[in-house]
Amino acid sequence: MPDFIKQMTEKRLLGQKTKQGFYKRVEENGKKVTLSIDYKTLQYKPQQKVKFASLEAAKSMPGTAGKMKSPLLRGRCRPVSSASEPCPTCSFTPPGASRK
């Protein structure tokens, strides 16, 4: 079992029963916000959206077969900061993006 899981158990970060675990819902400015735990520090921070260039491109591919051929679904892509950037780990470049 990973060390951070043991630490979470010791700190009683057990999920729904304790209202905190990998995620924690808090109210900020009258809105409910979901925080994610940083497994290195066990501190909660706001969730950040992750974008995959290949997922954005797969959405525009016709039919299920076309979407299944996307590099993301083959497990080769990594997050990028913008959906218009080329994937840093495979050869996929979305339309309009230039390979550096």
C-alpha atoms as a PDB file:
ATOM      1  CA  MET A   1       0.000   0.000   0.000  1.00  0.00           C
ATOM      2  CA  PRO A   2       1.409   3.448  -0.886  1.00  0.00           C
ATOM      3  CA  ASP A   3       2.680   5.531   2.015  1.00  0.00           C
ATOM      4  CA  PHE A   4       0.250   8.393   1.403  1.00  0.00           C
ATOM      5  CA  ILE A   5      -2.716   5.985   1.692  1.00  0.00           C
ATOM      6  CA  LYS A   6      -1.434   4.842   5.102  1.00  0.00           C
ATOM      7  CA  GLN A   7      -1.095   8.503   6.154  1.00  0.00           C
ATOM      8  CA  MET A   8      -4.622   9.267   4.923  1.00  0.00           C
ATOM      9  CA  THR A   9      -5.956   6.341   6.968  1.00  0.00           C
ATOM     10  CA  GLU A  10      -4.098   7.516  10.082  1.00  0.00           C
ATOM     11  CA  LYS A  11      -5.532  11.032   9.635  1.00  0.00           C
ATOM     12  CA  ARG A  12      -9.015   9.532   9.112  1.00  0.00           C
ATOM     13  CA  LEU A  13      -9.331  10.857   5.561  1.00  0.00           C
ATOM     14  CA  LEU A  14     -11.697   8.021   4.694  1.00  0.00           C
ATOM     15  CA  GLY A  15     -14.060   9.494   2.133  1.00  0.00           C
ATOM     16  CA  GLN A  16     -17.828   9.933   2.463  1.00  0.00           C
ATOM     17  CA  LYS A  17     -18.001   8.726   6.059  1.00  0.00           C
ATOM     18  CA  THR A  18     -15.645  11.458   7.269  1.00  0.00           C
ATOM     19  CA  LYS A  19     -16.577  14.023   4.570  1.00  0.00           C
ATOM     20  CA  GLN A  20     -12.989  14.073   3.336  1.00  0.00           C
ATOM     21  CA  GLY A  21     -10.716  11.679   1.487  1.00  0.00           C
ATOM     22  CA  PHE A  22      -9.300  12.099  -2.008  1.00  0.00           C
ATOM     23  CA  TYR A  23     -11.862  14.885  -2.404  1.00  0.00           C
ATOM     24  CA  LYS A  24     -13.401  17.350   0.009  1.00  0.00           C
ATOM     25  CA  ARG A  25     -16.434  19.558  -0.633  1.00  0.00           C
ATOM     26  CA  VAL A  26     -16.390  23.000   0.962  1.00  0.00           C
ATOM     27  CA  GLU A  27     -18.505  26.101   0.607  1.00  0.00           C
ATOM     28  CA  GLU A  28     -16.784  29.240  -0.686  1.00  0.00           C
ATOM     29  CA  ASN A  29     -18.713  32.452  -1.339  1.00  0.00           C
ATOM     30  CA  GLY A  30     -22.001  30.561  -1.161  1.00  0.00           C
ATOM     31  CA  LYS A  31     -20.951  27.955  -3.747  1.00  0.00           C
ATOM     32  CA  LYS A  32     -19.897  24.375  -3.168  1.00  0.00           C
ATOM     33  CA  VAL A  33     -16.365  23.707  -4.375  1.00  0.00           C
ATOM     34  CA  THR A  34     -14.650  20.326  -4.706  1.00  0.00           C
ATOM     35  CA  LEU A  35     -11.042  20.230  -3.539  1.00  0.00           C
ATOM     36  CA  SER A  36      -8.575  17.459  -4.375  1.00  0.00           C
ATOM     37  CA  ILE A  37      -5.914  16.156  -2.047  1.00  0.00           C
ATOM     38  CA  ASP A  38      -2.269  16.596  -2.996  1.00  0.00           C
ATOM     39  CA  TYR A  39      -0.883  13.142  -2.283  1.00  0.00           C
ATOM     40  CA  LYS A  40       2.594  14.543  -1.538  1.00  0.00           C
ATOM     41  CA  THR A  41       1.509  17.037   1.145  1.00  0.00           C
ATOM     42  CA  LEU A  42      -1.971  15.703   2.068  1.00  0.00           C
ATOM     43  CA  GLN A  43      -3.250  19.272   1.719  1.00  0.00           C
ATOM     44  CA  TYR A  44      -6.433  20.088  -0.207  1.00  0.00           C
ATOM     45  CA  LYS A  45      -6.351  22.419  -3.191  1.00  0.00           C
ATOM     46  CA  PRO A  46      -8.861  23.447  -5.870  1.00  0.00           C
ATOM     47  CA  GLN A  47      -9.277  20.970  -8.694  1.00  0.00           C
ATOM     48  CA  GLN A  48      -7.713  21.896 -12.014  1.00  0.00           C
ATOM     49  CA  LYS A  49      -9.167  20.830 -15.311  1.00  0.00           C
ATOM     50  CA  VAL A  50      -6.866  18.674 -17.385  1.00  0.00           C
ATOM     51  CA  LYS A  51      -6.956  18.912 -21.159  1.00  0.00           C
ATOM     52  CA  PHE A  52      -5.831  16.283 -23.625  1.00  0.00           C
ATOM     53  CA  ALA A  53      -5.306  17.454 -27.189  1.00  0.00           C
ATOM     54  CA  SER A  54      -6.136  14.009 -28.499  1.00  0.00           C
ATOM     55  CA  LEU A  55      -9.416  13.848 -26.537  1.00  0.00           C
ATOM     56  CA  GLU A  56     -10.543  17.132 -28.016  1.00  0.00           C
ATOM     57  CA  ALA A  57      -9.702  15.833 -31.483  1.00  0.00           C
ATOM     58  CA  ALA A  58     -11.362  12.469 -30.800  1.00  0.00           C
ATOM     59  CA  LYS A  59     -14.608  14.267 -29.999  1.00  0.00           C
ATOM     60  CA  SER A  60     -14.699  15.595 -33.553  1.00  0.00           C
ATOM     61  CA  MET A  61     -13.927  12.239 -35.221  1.00  0.00           C
ATOM     62  CA  PRO A  62     -16.904  10.583 -36.897  1.00  0.00           C
ATOM     63  CA  GLY A  63     -18.268   7.385 -35.380  1.00  0.00           C
ATOM     64  CA  THR A  64     -17.148   5.240 -32.505  1.00  0.00           C
ATOM     65  CA  ALA A  65     -14.454   3.484 -34.555  1.00  0.00           C
ATOM     66  CA  GLY A  66     -12.777   6.820 -35.348  1.00  0.00           C
ATOM     67  CA  LYS A  67     -12.857   7.873 -31.709  1.00  0.00           C
ATOM     68  CA  MET A  68     -11.367   4.525 -30.603  1.00  0.00           C
ATOM     69  CA  LYS A  69      -8.356   5.069 -32.864  1.00  0.00           C
ATOM     70  CA  SER A  70      -7.379   8.211 -30.946  1.00  0.00           C
ATOM     71  CA  PRO A  71      -3.948   8.081 -29.204  1.00  0.00           C
ATOM     72  CA  LEU A  72      -5.556   8.941 -25.854  1.00  0.00           C
ATOM     73  CA  LEU A  73      -7.675   5.818 -25.822  1.00  0.00           C
ATOM     74  CA  ARG A  74      -4.575   3.782 -26.599  1.00  0.00           C
ATOM     75  CA  GLY A  75      -3.012   5.212 -23.410  1.00  0.00           C
ATOM     76  CA  ARG A  76      -0.163   7.166 -24.960  1.00  0.00           C
ATOM     77  CA  CYS A  77      -1.148  10.816 -24.415  1.00  0.00           C
ATOM     78  CA  ARG A  78      -0.363  13.088 -21.489  1.00  0.00           C
ATOM     79  CA  PRO A  79      -2.050  16.303 -20.278  1.00  0.00           C
ATOM     80  CA  VAL A  80      -1.251  19.558 -22.064  1.00  0.00           C
ATOM     81  CA  SER A  81      -2.090  23.121 -21.070  1.00  0.00           C
ATOM     82  CA  SER A  82      -4.209  23.787 -24.137  1.00  0.00           C
ATOM     83  CA  ALA A  83      -6.303  21.594 -26.412  1.00  0.00           C
ATOM     84  CA  SER A  84      -4.613  23.256 -29.402  1.00  0.00           C
ATOM     85  CA  GLU A  85      -1.118  22.043 -28.435  1.00  0.00           C
ATOM     86  CA  PRO A  86       0.439  18.882 -29.851  1.00  0.00           C
ATOM     87  CA  CYS A  87       0.688  15.904 -27.527  1.00  0.00           C
ATOM     88  CA  PRO A  88       4.205  15.766 -25.994  1.00  0.00           C
ATOM     89  CA  THR A  89       4.308  11.951 -25.875  1.00  0.00           C
ATOM     90  CA  CYS A  90       2.925  10.800 -29.195  1.00  0.00           C
ATOM     91  CA  SER A  91       2.797  11.935 -32.779  1.00  0.00           C
ATOM     92  CA  PHE A  92      -0.736  13.349 -32.582  1.00  0.00           C
ATOM     93  CA  THR A  93      -1.057  17.006 -33.554  1.00  0.00           C
ATOM     94  CA  PRO A  94      -4.568  18.512 -33.486  1.00  0.00           C
ATOM     95  CA  PRO A  95      -5.719  20.546 -36.485  1.00  0.00           C
ATOM     96  CA  GLY A  96      -4.280  24.069 -36.300  1.00  0.00           C
ATOM     97  CA  ALA A  97      -1.431  23.177 -33.914  1.00  0.00           C
ATOM     98  CA  SER A  98       2.181  23.157 -34.958  1.00  0.00           C
ATOM     99  CA  ARG A  99       4.716  20.584 -33.817  1.00  0.00           C
ATOM    100  CA  LYS A 100       7.673  22.279 -32.100  1.00  0.00           C
END
